[in-house]
Amino acid sequence: MKQTMKQRMKQRMQQRVQQKINKGTKMKKQAGFTLIELVIVVVILGFLAVTAIPKFLDLTEQAKQANIEGMAGGFATGVSLARAQWEAEARPTENSINRIDYDGTELFLTTPPALNPTSIRPGYPTGINADNATGTAMAAADCIEVWQGILAQPPTITATITDLDNDNSMNYFVSVANNQCQFFLKETLNQDTNGLYVTPASTSVGNNFTYNNANSAVVININNN
């Protein structure tokens, strides 16, 4: 009888030990992923990549477009304010050249030539030097002067394309065509195989806007290259 009781107790102990072993083995098995579960995870990640990446890229393009539109709007406002101040001050001149003191900066404005007074409209910024009073011989340096003269805390800008490669702080590139200033957003310009920025051939490259001092027109060009 005693032997039988001992045997029963021994069997119960063995059963409990085996149950614990089985329970631990089951938990270990549940800790991992099956092949099917891994495949499902990969498929879900792939689906997210296909749908999310294009949306992210689209948001980036929208941000670039918003950048150039905002700068063009601010620039046009500055041009209008300069003209309005000139009118409010009774069209001041210096040595027969239209000018104003615009927030502490002497800003020269378009002054139509006497022989052809209707060729340009008077009172629009041409720079901070009087050497281009008529505004008919705009150079990149003049465009930069206008940019820095009418904008509050303007983004950095250069007329030298290599500056975009060598100076990461540069944000805009400027050029002149048909006497109009062309302001290009750096991030939207083309790069060659070496990753160097290429001088834009026209306003059909990159996001940009133009300024025509003959009539104050500011035109935005959005190009998804």
N, C-alpha and C. Protein backbone atom coordinates (compact mmCIF):
# COMPACT_ATOMS: atom_id res chain seq x y z
N MET A 1 0.84 -1.21 0.00
CA MET A 1 0.00 0.00 0.00
C MET A 1 0.86 1.25 0.00
N LYS A 2 1.86 1.24 0.92
CA LYS A 2 2.77 2.38 0.99
C LYS A 2 3.52 2.54 -0.32
N GLN A 3 3.91 1.44 -0.88
CA GLN A 3 4.64 1.48 -2.14
C GLN A 3 3.79 2.06 -3.25
N THR A 4 2.49 1.72 -3.22
CA THR A 4 1.56 2.23 -4.22
C THR A 4 1.40 3.73 -4.10
N MET A 5 1.31 4.22 -2.87
CA MET A 5 1.18 5.66 -2.64
C MET A 5 2.42 6.41 -3.14
N LYS A 6 3.56 5.85 -2.85
CA LYS A 6 4.79 6.48 -3.31
C LYS A 6 4.85 6.54 -4.84
N GLN A 7 4.40 5.45 -5.44
CA GLN A 7 4.42 5.43 -6.89
C GLN A 7 3.49 6.48 -7.48
N ARG A 8 2.30 6.61 -6.85
CA ARG A 8 1.34 7.61 -7.32
C ARG A 8 1.91 9.03 -7.17
N MET A 9 2.53 9.31 -6.03
CA MET A 9 3.12 10.64 -5.80
C MET A 9 4.23 10.91 -6.81
N LYS A 10 5.00 9.87 -7.09
CA LYS A 10 6.08 10.02 -8.05
C LYS A 10 5.54 10.32 -9.44
N GLN A 11 4.45 9.61 -9.80
CA GLN A 11 3.84 9.84 -11.10
C GLN A 11 3.29 11.26 -11.23
N ARG A 12 2.65 11.74 -10.13
CA ARG A 12 2.11 13.10 -10.14
C ARG A 12 3.22 14.15 -10.30
N MET A 13 4.32 13.92 -9.60
CA MET A 13 5.45 14.84 -9.71
C MET A 13 5.99 14.86 -11.14
N GLN A 14 6.09 13.66 -11.72
CA GLN A 14 6.57 13.58 -13.08
C GLN A 14 5.63 14.28 -14.05
N GLN A 15 4.32 14.13 -13.80
CA GLN A 15 3.33 14.78 -14.66
C GLN A 15 3.44 16.31 -14.57
N ARG A 16 3.62 16.82 -13.35
CA ARG A 16 3.73 18.27 -13.17
C ARG A 16 4.99 18.83 -13.85
N VAL A 17 6.08 18.09 -13.70
CA VAL A 17 7.32 18.52 -14.35
C VAL A 17 7.16 18.54 -15.86
N GLN A 18 6.50 17.48 -16.38
CA GLN A 18 6.29 17.39 -17.82
C GLN A 18 5.38 18.51 -18.31
N GLN A 19 4.37 18.87 -17.51
CA GLN A 19 3.46 19.96 -17.88
C GLN A 19 4.20 21.30 -17.97
N LYS A 20 5.08 21.50 -16.99
CA LYS A 20 5.87 22.74 -17.01
C LYS A 20 6.79 22.80 -18.23
N ILE A 21 7.38 21.62 -18.53
CA ILE A 21 8.26 21.56 -19.71
C ILE A 21 7.47 21.85 -20.98
N ASN A 22 6.29 21.23 -21.08
CA ASN A 22 5.44 21.43 -22.25
C ASN A 22 4.98 22.88 -22.36
N LYS A 23 4.66 23.48 -21.23
CA LYS A 23 4.21 24.88 -21.22
C LYS A 23 5.31 25.82 -21.68
N GLY A 24 6.55 25.57 -21.21
CA GLY A 24 7.67 26.41 -21.61
C GLY A 24 7.98 26.26 -23.09
N THR A 25 7.88 25.02 -23.59
CA THR A 25 8.13 24.78 -25.01
C THR A 25 7.09 25.47 -25.88
N LYS A 26 5.83 25.47 -25.41
CA LYS A 26 4.76 26.11 -26.15
C LYS A 26 4.96 27.61 -26.23
N MET A 27 5.39 28.20 -25.09
CA MET A 27 5.63 29.65 -25.06
C MET A 27 6.77 30.02 -26.00
N LYS A 28 7.82 29.19 -26.05
CA LYS A 28 8.93 29.46 -26.95
C LYS A 28 8.48 29.39 -28.40
N LYS A 29 7.62 28.43 -28.68
CA LYS A 29 7.14 28.31 -30.05
C LYS A 29 6.31 29.51 -30.46
N GLN A 30 5.53 30.08 -29.50
CA GLN A 30 4.69 31.23 -29.80
C GLN A 30 5.49 32.52 -29.91
N ALA A 31 6.73 32.54 -29.46
CA ALA A 31 7.52 33.78 -29.46
C ALA A 31 7.99 34.18 -30.85
N GLY A 32 8.05 33.28 -31.80
CA GLY A 32 8.53 33.59 -33.13
C GLY A 32 7.41 33.78 -34.13
N PHE A 33 7.79 34.09 -35.41
CA PHE A 33 6.83 34.28 -36.50
C PHE A 33 6.91 33.08 -37.43
N THR A 34 5.78 32.72 -37.94
CA THR A 34 5.77 31.66 -38.94
C THR A 34 6.15 32.26 -40.29
N LEU A 35 6.45 31.44 -41.25
CA LEU A 35 6.83 31.91 -42.58
C LEU A 35 5.70 32.69 -43.22
N ILE A 36 4.47 32.24 -43.03
CA ILE A 36 3.32 32.92 -43.60
C ILE A 36 3.17 34.31 -43.01
N GLU A 37 3.37 34.42 -41.68
CA GLU A 37 3.27 35.72 -41.01
C GLU A 37 4.34 36.68 -41.53
N LEU A 38 5.55 36.18 -41.74
CA LEU A 38 6.62 37.02 -42.27
C LEU A 38 6.30 37.50 -43.69
N VAL A 39 5.75 36.62 -44.48
CA VAL A 39 5.37 36.99 -45.85
C VAL A 39 4.32 38.08 -45.84
N ILE A 40 3.35 37.96 -44.95
CA ILE A 40 2.29 38.96 -44.84
C ILE A 40 2.87 40.31 -44.45
N VAL A 41 3.81 40.31 -43.48
CA VAL A 41 4.44 41.55 -43.06
C VAL A 41 5.20 42.20 -44.21
N VAL A 42 5.93 41.41 -44.97
CA VAL A 42 6.68 41.93 -46.12
C VAL A 42 5.74 42.54 -47.15
N VAL A 43 4.63 41.86 -47.41
CA VAL A 43 3.65 42.36 -48.38
C VAL A 43 3.06 43.69 -47.92
N ILE A 44 2.75 43.79 -46.63
CA ILE A 44 2.19 45.04 -46.09
C ILE A 44 3.19 46.18 -46.19
N LEU A 45 4.45 45.89 -45.85
CA LEU A 45 5.49 46.93 -45.95
C LEU A 45 5.68 47.38 -47.39
N GLY A 46 5.65 46.43 -48.31
CA GLY A 46 5.77 46.79 -49.72
C GLY A 46 4.62 47.65 -50.20
N PHE A 47 3.43 47.31 -49.73
CA PHE A 47 2.26 48.11 -50.11
C PHE A 47 2.38 49.53 -49.57
N LEU A 48 2.82 49.67 -48.33
CA LEU A 48 3.00 51.00 -47.75
C LEU A 48 4.06 51.79 -48.50
N ALA A 49 5.12 51.11 -48.91
CA ALA A 49 6.18 51.81 -49.64
C ALA A 49 5.67 52.32 -50.98
N VAL A 50 4.88 51.50 -51.66
CA VAL A 50 4.36 51.90 -52.98
C VAL A 50 3.41 53.07 -52.87
N THR A 51 2.61 53.11 -51.81
CA THR A 51 1.61 54.18 -51.68
C THR A 51 2.15 55.41 -50.97
N ALA A 52 3.04 55.23 -49.99
CA ALA A 52 3.49 56.36 -49.18
C ALA A 52 4.60 57.17 -49.83
N ILE A 53 5.56 56.51 -50.48
CA ILE A 53 6.70 57.22 -51.09
C ILE A 53 6.25 58.22 -52.14
N PRO A 54 5.37 57.85 -53.09
CA PRO A 54 4.92 58.86 -54.06
C PRO A 54 4.25 60.06 -53.39
N LYS A 55 3.48 59.79 -52.33
CA LYS A 55 2.83 60.90 -51.63
C LYS A 55 3.86 61.80 -50.97
N PHE A 56 4.90 61.19 -50.42
CA PHE A 56 5.97 61.98 -49.80
C PHE A 56 6.67 62.84 -50.84
N LEU A 57 6.97 62.23 -52.00
CA LEU A 57 7.63 62.98 -53.07
C LEU A 57 6.74 64.10 -53.57
N ASP A 58 5.44 63.84 -53.63
CA ASP A 58 4.50 64.85 -54.08
C ASP A 58 4.47 66.02 -53.10
N LEU A 59 4.53 65.72 -51.79
CA LEU A 59 4.57 66.77 -50.79
C LEU A 59 5.84 67.61 -50.93
N THR A 60 6.95 66.95 -51.28
CA THR A 60 8.20 67.67 -51.47
C THR A 60 8.09 68.63 -52.65
N GLU A 61 7.49 68.18 -53.74
CA GLU A 61 7.30 69.04 -54.90
C GLU A 61 6.37 70.20 -54.57
N GLN A 62 5.35 69.91 -53.78
CA GLN A 62 4.43 70.97 -53.38
C GLN A 62 5.13 72.01 -52.53
N ALA A 63 6.05 71.55 -51.67
CA ALA A 63 6.80 72.49 -50.83
C ALA A 63 7.69 73.39 -51.68
N LYS A 64 8.31 72.82 -52.71
CA LYS A 64 9.15 73.61 -53.61
C LYS A 64 8.31 74.64 -54.38
N GLN A 65 7.13 74.21 -54.79
CA GLN A 65 6.25 75.13 -55.50
C GLN A 65 5.78 76.24 -54.58
N ALA A 66 5.45 75.88 -53.35
CA ALA A 66 5.02 76.89 -52.38
C ALA A 66 6.14 77.87 -52.08
N ASN A 67 7.37 77.38 -52.08
CA ASN A 67 8.53 78.24 -51.82
C ASN A 67 8.63 79.33 -52.87
N ILE A 68 8.62 78.95 -54.15
CA ILE A 68 8.80 79.93 -55.22
C ILE A 68 7.60 80.86 -55.30
N GLU A 69 6.41 80.34 -55.04
CA GLU A 69 5.22 81.18 -55.08
C GLU A 69 5.24 82.21 -53.95
N GLY A 70 5.71 81.77 -52.78
CA GLY A 70 5.80 82.69 -51.66
C GLY A 70 6.82 83.78 -51.89
N MET A 71 7.99 83.39 -52.45
CA MET A 71 9.02 84.38 -52.73
C MET A 71 8.57 85.36 -53.81
N ALA A 72 7.92 84.86 -54.84
CA ALA A 72 7.44 85.73 -55.91
C ALA A 72 6.40 86.70 -55.38
N GLY A 73 5.53 86.22 -54.51
CA GLY A 73 4.52 87.08 -53.92
C GLY A 73 5.14 88.18 -53.07
N GLY A 74 6.14 87.79 -52.26
CA GLY A 74 6.83 88.79 -51.44
C GLY A 74 7.59 89.79 -52.28
N PHE A 75 8.19 89.32 -53.35
CA PHE A 75 8.95 90.20 -54.24
C PHE A 75 8.01 91.20 -54.92
N ALA A 76 6.89 90.71 -55.44
CA ALA A 76 5.93 91.59 -56.09
C ALA A 76 5.38 92.63 -55.12
N THR A 77 5.17 92.22 -53.89
CA THR A 77 4.70 93.16 -52.87
C THR A 77 5.73 94.25 -52.61
N GLY A 78 7.01 93.83 -52.54
CA GLY A 78 8.08 94.80 -52.34
C GLY A 78 8.17 95.81 -53.46
N VAL A 79 8.02 95.34 -54.69
CA VAL A 79 8.04 96.24 -55.86
C VAL A 79 6.89 97.24 -55.77
N SER A 80 5.71 96.75 -55.42
CA SER A 80 4.54 97.63 -55.31
C SER A 80 4.69 98.65 -54.19
N LEU A 81 5.27 98.22 -53.07
CA LEU A 81 5.47 99.14 -51.95
C LEU A 81 6.47 100.23 -52.30
N ALA A 82 7.52 99.87 -53.04
CA ALA A 82 8.51 100.87 -53.45
C ALA A 82 7.86 101.90 -54.37
N ARG A 83 7.06 101.43 -55.30
CA ARG A 83 6.37 102.35 -56.22
C ARG A 83 5.38 103.22 -55.43
N ALA A 84 4.65 102.64 -54.51
CA ALA A 84 3.67 103.38 -53.72
C ALA A 84 4.34 104.47 -52.88
N GLN A 85 5.49 104.12 -52.29
CA GLN A 85 6.22 105.12 -51.50
C GLN A 85 6.69 106.27 -52.38
N TRP A 86 7.18 105.93 -53.56
CA TRP A 86 7.64 106.96 -54.50
C TRP A 86 6.51 107.91 -54.88
N GLU A 87 5.32 107.35 -55.11
CA GLU A 87 4.15 108.18 -55.44
C GLU A 87 3.75 109.03 -54.23
N ALA A 88 3.75 108.41 -53.04
CA ALA A 88 3.34 109.12 -51.84
C ALA A 88 4.27 110.28 -51.50
N GLU A 89 5.54 110.14 -51.87
CA GLU A 89 6.52 111.20 -51.61
C GLU A 89 6.65 112.18 -52.76
N ALA A 90 5.64 112.20 -53.63
CA ALA A 90 5.59 113.13 -54.76
C ALA A 90 6.71 112.88 -55.77
N ARG A 91 7.00 111.63 -56.01
CA ARG A 91 7.95 111.21 -57.03
C ARG A 91 9.32 111.90 -56.91
N PRO A 92 10.01 111.65 -55.82
CA PRO A 92 11.32 112.31 -55.64
C PRO A 92 12.35 111.83 -56.66
N THR A 93 13.28 112.72 -57.00
CA THR A 93 14.36 112.40 -57.94
C THR A 93 15.68 112.91 -57.38
N GLU A 94 16.76 112.42 -57.96
CA GLU A 94 18.10 112.90 -57.63
C GLU A 94 18.90 112.89 -58.92
N ASN A 95 19.35 114.08 -59.33
CA ASN A 95 20.04 114.21 -60.62
C ASN A 95 19.17 113.67 -61.76
N SER A 96 17.87 114.01 -61.68
CA SER A 96 16.89 113.62 -62.70
C SER A 96 16.64 112.11 -62.76
N ILE A 97 17.00 111.41 -61.68
CA ILE A 97 16.79 109.95 -61.61
C ILE A 97 15.81 109.67 -60.47
N ASN A 98 14.79 108.88 -60.75
CA ASN A 98 13.81 108.53 -59.72
C ASN A 98 14.46 107.69 -58.63
N ARG A 99 14.14 108.03 -57.39
CA ARG A 99 14.76 107.32 -56.27
C ARG A 99 13.90 107.47 -55.02
N ILE A 100 14.13 106.59 -54.03
CA ILE A 100 13.49 106.70 -52.72
C ILE A 100 14.45 106.15 -51.67
N ASP A 101 14.21 106.52 -50.44
CA ASP A 101 14.91 105.91 -49.31
C ASP A 101 13.97 104.82 -48.79
N TYR A 102 14.25 103.61 -49.20
CA TYR A 102 13.35 102.50 -48.88
C TYR A 102 13.87 101.74 -47.66
N ASP A 103 13.29 102.05 -46.52
CA ASP A 103 13.67 101.39 -45.27
C ASP A 103 15.18 101.47 -45.02
N GLY A 104 15.74 102.66 -45.27
CA GLY A 104 17.15 102.88 -45.00
C GLY A 104 18.06 102.58 -46.17
N THR A 105 17.52 102.09 -47.26
CA THR A 105 18.33 101.78 -48.45
C THR A 105 17.94 102.72 -49.58
N GLU A 106 18.93 103.38 -50.18
CA GLU A 106 18.65 104.24 -51.33
C GLU A 106 18.39 103.34 -52.53
N LEU A 107 17.15 103.38 -52.99
CA LEU A 107 16.74 102.50 -54.06
C LEU A 107 16.41 103.33 -55.30
N PHE A 108 17.09 103.03 -56.39
CA PHE A 108 16.84 103.75 -57.64
C PHE A 108 15.73 103.05 -58.42
N LEU A 109 14.93 103.88 -59.10
CA LEU A 109 13.74 103.38 -59.78
C LEU A 109 13.80 103.71 -61.26
N THR A 110 13.02 102.98 -62.04
CA THR A 110 13.01 103.21 -63.48
C THR A 110 12.70 104.67 -63.80
N THR A 111 13.50 105.22 -64.69
CA THR A 111 13.34 106.61 -65.15
C THR A 111 13.30 106.59 -66.68
N PRO A 112 12.14 106.76 -67.29
CA PRO A 112 12.03 106.67 -68.75
C PRO A 112 12.96 107.66 -69.45
N PRO A 113 13.60 107.25 -70.52
CA PRO A 113 14.46 108.17 -71.27
C PRO A 113 13.65 109.28 -71.91
N ALA A 114 14.25 110.46 -71.99
CA ALA A 114 13.54 111.63 -72.53
C ALA A 114 13.10 111.41 -73.97
N LEU A 115 13.91 110.70 -74.74
CA LEU A 115 13.59 110.51 -76.15
C LEU A 115 12.47 109.49 -76.37
N ASN A 116 12.26 108.64 -75.40
CA ASN A 116 11.21 107.62 -75.54
C ASN A 116 10.55 107.39 -74.18
N PRO A 117 9.80 108.36 -73.70
CA PRO A 117 9.26 108.30 -72.34
C PRO A 117 8.22 107.21 -72.11
N THR A 118 7.66 106.66 -73.16
CA THR A 118 6.63 105.62 -72.99
C THR A 118 7.19 104.20 -73.10
N SER A 119 8.51 104.09 -73.24
CA SER A 119 9.12 102.76 -73.41
C SER A 119 9.06 101.93 -72.13
N ILE A 120 9.12 102.59 -70.99
CA ILE A 120 9.02 101.91 -69.69
C ILE A 120 8.17 102.77 -68.77
N ARG A 121 7.63 102.12 -67.75
CA ARG A 121 6.85 102.85 -66.75
C ARG A 121 7.78 103.28 -65.62
N PRO A 122 7.61 104.47 -65.10
CA PRO A 122 8.51 104.96 -64.06
C PRO A 122 8.17 104.44 -62.68
N GLY A 123 9.21 104.42 -61.83
CA GLY A 123 8.98 104.15 -60.42
C GLY A 123 9.16 102.73 -59.94
N TYR A 124 9.82 101.87 -60.72
CA TYR A 124 10.03 100.48 -60.29
C TYR A 124 11.51 100.22 -60.05
N PRO A 125 11.83 99.43 -59.03
CA PRO A 125 13.23 99.23 -58.61
C PRO A 125 14.15 98.71 -59.71
N THR A 126 15.33 99.31 -59.79
CA THR A 126 16.36 98.85 -60.73
C THR A 126 17.66 98.52 -60.02
N GLY A 127 17.78 98.83 -58.75
CA GLY A 127 18.99 98.54 -57.99
C GLY A 127 19.32 99.67 -57.03
N ILE A 128 20.54 99.63 -56.50
CA ILE A 128 20.96 100.65 -55.55
C ILE A 128 22.02 101.57 -56.15
N ASN A 129 22.26 101.43 -57.46
CA ASN A 129 23.20 102.30 -58.16
C ASN A 129 22.47 103.09 -59.25
N ALA A 130 22.95 104.28 -59.52
CA ALA A 130 22.31 105.14 -60.50
C ALA A 130 22.80 104.88 -61.92
N ASP A 131 23.67 103.88 -62.10
CA ASP A 131 24.25 103.65 -63.42
C ASP A 131 23.27 102.98 -64.39
N ASN A 132 22.12 102.56 -63.91
CA ASN A 132 21.14 101.90 -64.77
C ASN A 132 19.77 102.53 -64.52
N ALA A 133 19.73 103.85 -64.62
CA ALA A 133 18.52 104.59 -64.26
C ALA A 133 17.32 104.21 -65.11
N THR A 134 17.52 104.01 -66.38
CA THR A 134 16.39 103.67 -67.25
C THR A 134 15.93 102.24 -67.05
N GLY A 135 16.78 101.40 -66.45
CA GLY A 135 16.41 100.01 -66.23
C GLY A 135 16.43 99.17 -67.48
N THR A 136 17.07 99.69 -68.52
CA THR A 136 17.09 98.96 -69.80
C THR A 136 18.35 98.12 -69.99
N ALA A 137 19.23 98.14 -68.99
CA ALA A 137 20.48 97.37 -69.10
C ALA A 137 20.71 96.58 -67.81
N MET A 138 19.70 95.83 -67.42
CA MET A 138 19.78 95.07 -66.17
C MET A 138 20.85 93.98 -66.26
N ALA A 139 21.66 93.89 -65.22
CA ALA A 139 22.65 92.83 -65.08
C ALA A 139 22.29 92.00 -63.85
N ALA A 140 22.92 90.83 -63.72
CA ALA A 140 22.62 89.97 -62.57
C ALA A 140 22.88 90.70 -61.26
N ALA A 141 23.93 91.54 -61.23
CA ALA A 141 24.24 92.30 -60.02
C ALA A 141 23.10 93.25 -59.66
N ASP A 142 22.48 93.85 -60.67
CA ASP A 142 21.34 94.74 -60.42
C ASP A 142 20.15 93.96 -59.85
N CYS A 143 19.93 92.77 -60.38
CA CYS A 143 18.83 91.93 -59.89
C CYS A 143 19.04 91.55 -58.42
N ILE A 144 20.29 91.26 -58.06
CA ILE A 144 20.60 90.93 -56.67
C ILE A 144 20.36 92.15 -55.78
N GLU A 145 20.72 93.34 -56.27
CA GLU A 145 20.50 94.57 -55.51
C GLU A 145 19.01 94.80 -55.26
N VAL A 146 18.20 94.57 -56.27
CA VAL A 146 16.75 94.71 -56.10
C VAL A 146 16.25 93.69 -55.09
N TRP A 147 16.69 92.44 -55.24
CA TRP A 147 16.32 91.33 -54.33
C TRP A 147 16.63 91.70 -52.88
N GLN A 148 17.83 92.16 -52.66
CA GLN A 148 18.24 92.49 -51.29
C GLN A 148 17.67 93.82 -50.81
N GLY A 149 17.28 94.68 -51.77
CA GLY A 149 16.78 95.99 -51.38
C GLY A 149 15.32 96.02 -50.98
N ILE A 150 14.50 95.16 -51.57
CA ILE A 150 13.06 95.22 -51.30
C ILE A 150 12.55 94.11 -50.39
N LEU A 151 13.36 93.07 -50.18
CA LEU A 151 12.93 91.95 -49.34
C LEU A 151 13.51 92.08 -47.93
N ALA A 152 12.69 91.79 -46.94
CA ALA A 152 13.16 91.76 -45.57
C ALA A 152 13.77 90.39 -45.29
N GLN A 153 15.03 90.37 -44.86
CA GLN A 153 15.76 89.13 -44.61
C GLN A 153 15.65 88.18 -45.82
N PRO A 154 16.13 88.61 -46.97
CA PRO A 154 16.01 87.79 -48.18
C PRO A 154 16.87 86.53 -48.12
N PRO A 155 16.44 85.46 -48.76
CA PRO A 155 17.27 84.24 -48.85
C PRO A 155 18.56 84.55 -49.60
N THR A 156 19.57 83.75 -49.34
CA THR A 156 20.86 83.95 -50.02
C THR A 156 20.71 83.68 -51.51
N ILE A 157 21.46 84.45 -52.29
CA ILE A 157 21.34 84.36 -53.75
C ILE A 157 22.70 84.62 -54.39
N THR A 158 22.92 84.02 -55.55
CA THR A 158 24.18 84.20 -56.26
C THR A 158 23.95 84.18 -57.77
N ALA A 159 24.86 84.82 -58.49
CA ALA A 159 24.81 84.80 -59.95
C ALA A 159 25.87 83.87 -60.52
N THR A 160 26.61 83.19 -59.63
CA THR A 160 27.67 82.26 -60.04
C THR A 160 27.21 80.83 -59.75
N ILE A 161 27.05 80.04 -60.78
CA ILE A 161 26.47 78.70 -60.63
C ILE A 161 27.31 77.80 -59.73
N THR A 162 28.64 77.97 -59.74
CA THR A 162 29.49 77.11 -58.91
C THR A 162 29.31 77.39 -57.42
N ASP A 163 28.78 78.57 -57.09
CA ASP A 163 28.52 78.87 -55.68
C ASP A 163 27.48 77.91 -55.10
N LEU A 164 26.58 77.43 -55.93
CA LEU A 164 25.56 76.49 -55.47
C LEU A 164 26.18 75.17 -55.03
N ASP A 165 27.30 74.81 -55.67
CA ASP A 165 28.00 73.56 -55.32
C ASP A 165 28.91 73.75 -54.11
N ASN A 166 29.52 74.91 -54.02
CA ASN A 166 30.54 75.14 -53.00
C ASN A 166 30.01 75.76 -51.71
N ASP A 167 28.82 76.34 -51.78
CA ASP A 167 28.27 77.01 -50.60
C ASP A 167 26.85 76.49 -50.36
N ASN A 168 26.70 75.64 -49.36
CA ASN A 168 25.40 75.03 -49.08
C ASN A 168 24.37 76.04 -48.56
N SER A 169 24.83 77.21 -48.16
CA SER A 169 23.91 78.21 -47.63
C SER A 169 23.15 78.94 -48.74
N MET A 170 23.60 78.79 -49.98
CA MET A 170 22.94 79.47 -51.09
C MET A 170 21.59 78.82 -51.39
N ASN A 171 20.58 79.66 -51.61
CA ASN A 171 19.22 79.17 -51.85
C ASN A 171 18.70 79.46 -53.25
N TYR A 172 19.22 80.54 -53.86
CA TYR A 172 18.69 80.95 -55.17
C TYR A 172 19.82 81.30 -56.13
N PHE A 173 19.49 81.13 -57.41
CA PHE A 173 20.39 81.51 -58.49
C PHE A 173 19.69 82.54 -59.36
N VAL A 174 20.43 83.56 -59.80
CA VAL A 174 19.83 84.61 -60.61
C VAL A 174 20.56 84.77 -61.93
N SER A 175 19.80 85.05 -62.97
CA SER A 175 20.37 85.34 -64.29
C SER A 175 19.48 86.40 -64.94
N VAL A 176 19.92 86.88 -66.09
CA VAL A 176 19.16 87.92 -66.81
C VAL A 176 18.98 87.50 -68.26
N ALA A 177 17.76 87.69 -68.78
CA ALA A 177 17.46 87.42 -70.19
C ALA A 177 16.41 88.42 -70.65
N ASN A 178 16.66 89.05 -71.77
CA ASN A 178 15.73 90.05 -72.32
C ASN A 178 15.44 91.15 -71.30
N ASN A 179 16.49 91.53 -70.56
CA ASN A 179 16.41 92.59 -69.57
C ASN A 179 15.49 92.26 -68.39
N GLN A 180 15.20 90.98 -68.21
CA GLN A 180 14.36 90.55 -67.08
C GLN A 180 15.17 89.70 -66.11
N CYS A 181 14.98 89.97 -64.84
CA CYS A 181 15.65 89.17 -63.81
C CYS A 181 14.95 87.82 -63.71
N GLN A 182 15.77 86.76 -63.60
CA GLN A 182 15.23 85.41 -63.47
C GLN A 182 15.76 84.80 -62.17
N PHE A 183 14.86 84.50 -61.25
CA PHE A 183 15.25 83.97 -59.95
C PHE A 183 14.85 82.50 -59.86
N PHE A 184 15.87 81.62 -59.72
CA PHE A 184 15.65 80.16 -59.71
C PHE A 184 15.85 79.59 -58.30
N LEU A 185 14.94 78.70 -57.90
CA LEU A 185 15.11 77.98 -56.65
C LEU A 185 16.15 76.88 -56.84
N LYS A 186 17.19 76.90 -56.03
CA LYS A 186 18.33 76.00 -56.18
C LYS A 186 17.92 74.53 -56.28
N GLU A 187 17.04 74.07 -55.38
CA GLU A 187 16.71 72.65 -55.31
C GLU A 187 16.00 72.13 -56.55
N THR A 188 15.54 73.02 -57.42
CA THR A 188 14.81 72.56 -58.60
C THR A 188 15.65 72.62 -59.88
N LEU A 189 16.90 73.02 -59.76
CA LEU A 189 17.78 73.09 -60.94
C LEU A 189 18.36 71.73 -61.28
N ASN A 190 18.72 71.55 -62.53
CA ASN A 190 19.32 70.29 -62.98
C ASN A 190 20.77 70.17 -62.50
N GLN A 191 21.20 68.91 -62.36
CA GLN A 191 22.59 68.61 -62.01
C GLN A 191 23.16 67.63 -63.03
N ASP A 192 24.48 67.74 -63.25
CA ASP A 192 25.12 66.84 -64.21
C ASP A 192 25.43 65.50 -63.55
N THR A 193 26.14 64.63 -64.27
CA THR A 193 26.43 63.29 -63.76
C THR A 193 27.34 63.32 -62.54
N ASN A 194 28.03 64.44 -62.33
CA ASN A 194 28.90 64.58 -61.17
C ASN A 194 28.19 65.25 -60.00
N GLY A 195 26.91 65.52 -60.17
CA GLY A 195 26.14 66.14 -59.10
C GLY A 195 26.33 67.64 -59.01
N LEU A 196 26.89 68.25 -60.06
CA LEU A 196 27.12 69.69 -60.06
C LEU A 196 25.95 70.40 -60.76
N TYR A 197 25.58 71.55 -60.22
CA TYR A 197 24.46 72.29 -60.79
C TYR A 197 24.79 72.84 -62.17
N VAL A 198 23.78 72.82 -63.03
CA VAL A 198 23.93 73.28 -64.41
C VAL A 198 23.19 74.60 -64.57
N THR A 199 23.84 75.57 -65.22
CA THR A 199 23.21 76.87 -65.46
C THR A 199 21.94 76.68 -66.29
N PRO A 200 20.80 77.14 -65.80
CA PRO A 200 19.56 76.96 -66.56
C PRO A 200 19.58 77.76 -67.86
N ALA A 201 19.16 77.12 -68.93
CA ALA A 201 19.17 77.77 -70.24
C ALA A 201 18.00 78.72 -70.43
N SER A 202 16.91 78.47 -69.69
CA SER A 202 15.72 79.31 -69.81
C SER A 202 14.84 79.10 -68.58
N THR A 203 13.72 79.80 -68.56
CA THR A 203 12.79 79.67 -67.44
C THR A 203 11.96 78.40 -67.52
N SER A 204 12.22 77.56 -68.53
CA SER A 204 11.54 76.27 -68.63
C SER A 204 12.23 75.21 -67.78
N VAL A 205 13.27 75.62 -67.08
CA VAL A 205 14.02 74.72 -66.19
C VAL A 205 13.81 75.16 -64.74
N GLY A 206 13.43 74.22 -63.90
CA GLY A 206 13.30 74.52 -62.48
C GLY A 206 12.15 75.46 -62.16
N ASN A 207 11.91 75.64 -60.86
CA ASN A 207 10.90 76.59 -60.40
C ASN A 207 11.55 77.96 -60.29
N ASN A 208 10.92 78.95 -60.88
CA ASN A 208 11.51 80.28 -60.93
C ASN A 208 10.45 81.34 -61.10
N PHE A 209 10.86 82.59 -60.97
CA PHE A 209 9.98 83.69 -61.34
C PHE A 209 10.82 84.80 -61.95
N THR A 210 10.19 85.59 -62.80
CA THR A 210 10.89 86.66 -63.49
C THR A 210 10.36 88.02 -63.04
N TYR A 211 11.22 89.03 -63.19
CA TYR A 211 10.83 90.41 -62.86
C TYR A 211 11.19 91.31 -64.03
N ASN A 212 10.18 92.01 -64.53
CA ASN A 212 10.37 92.95 -65.63
C ASN A 212 10.15 94.35 -65.09
N ASN A 213 11.23 95.13 -64.95
CA ASN A 213 11.08 96.45 -64.35
C ASN A 213 10.41 97.46 -65.27
N ALA A 214 10.23 97.12 -66.53
CA ALA A 214 9.57 98.04 -67.46
C ALA A 214 8.09 98.21 -67.14
N ASN A 215 7.51 97.16 -66.53
CA ASN A 215 6.08 97.24 -66.20
C ASN A 215 5.75 96.59 -64.85
N SER A 216 6.77 96.23 -64.08
CA SER A 216 6.66 95.63 -62.74
C SER A 216 6.13 94.20 -62.75
N ALA A 217 6.02 93.56 -63.92
CA ALA A 217 5.45 92.21 -63.99
C ALA A 217 6.34 91.19 -63.30
N VAL A 218 5.72 90.37 -62.45
CA VAL A 218 6.39 89.24 -61.79
C VAL A 218 5.65 87.97 -62.22
N VAL A 219 6.36 87.09 -62.94
CA VAL A 219 5.73 85.91 -63.53
C VAL A 219 6.36 84.65 -62.94
N ILE A 220 5.52 83.73 -62.46
CA ILE A 220 5.99 82.48 -61.85
C ILE A 220 6.00 81.37 -62.89
N ASN A 221 7.07 80.55 -62.87
CA ASN A 221 7.18 79.39 -63.75
C ASN A 221 7.45 78.15 -62.92
N ILE A 222 6.53 77.20 -62.96
CA ILE A 222 6.68 75.93 -62.24
C ILE A 222 6.96 74.83 -63.24
N ASN A 223 8.11 74.21 -63.11
CA ASN A 223 8.51 73.13 -64.04
C ASN A 223 8.88 71.90 -63.24
N ASN A 224 8.14 70.81 -63.43
CA ASN A 224 8.45 69.54 -62.78
C ASN A 224 9.40 68.76 -63.67
N ASN A 225 10.72 69.05 -63.50
CA ASN A 225 11.72 68.41 -64.36
C ASN A 225 11.97 66.98 -63.95
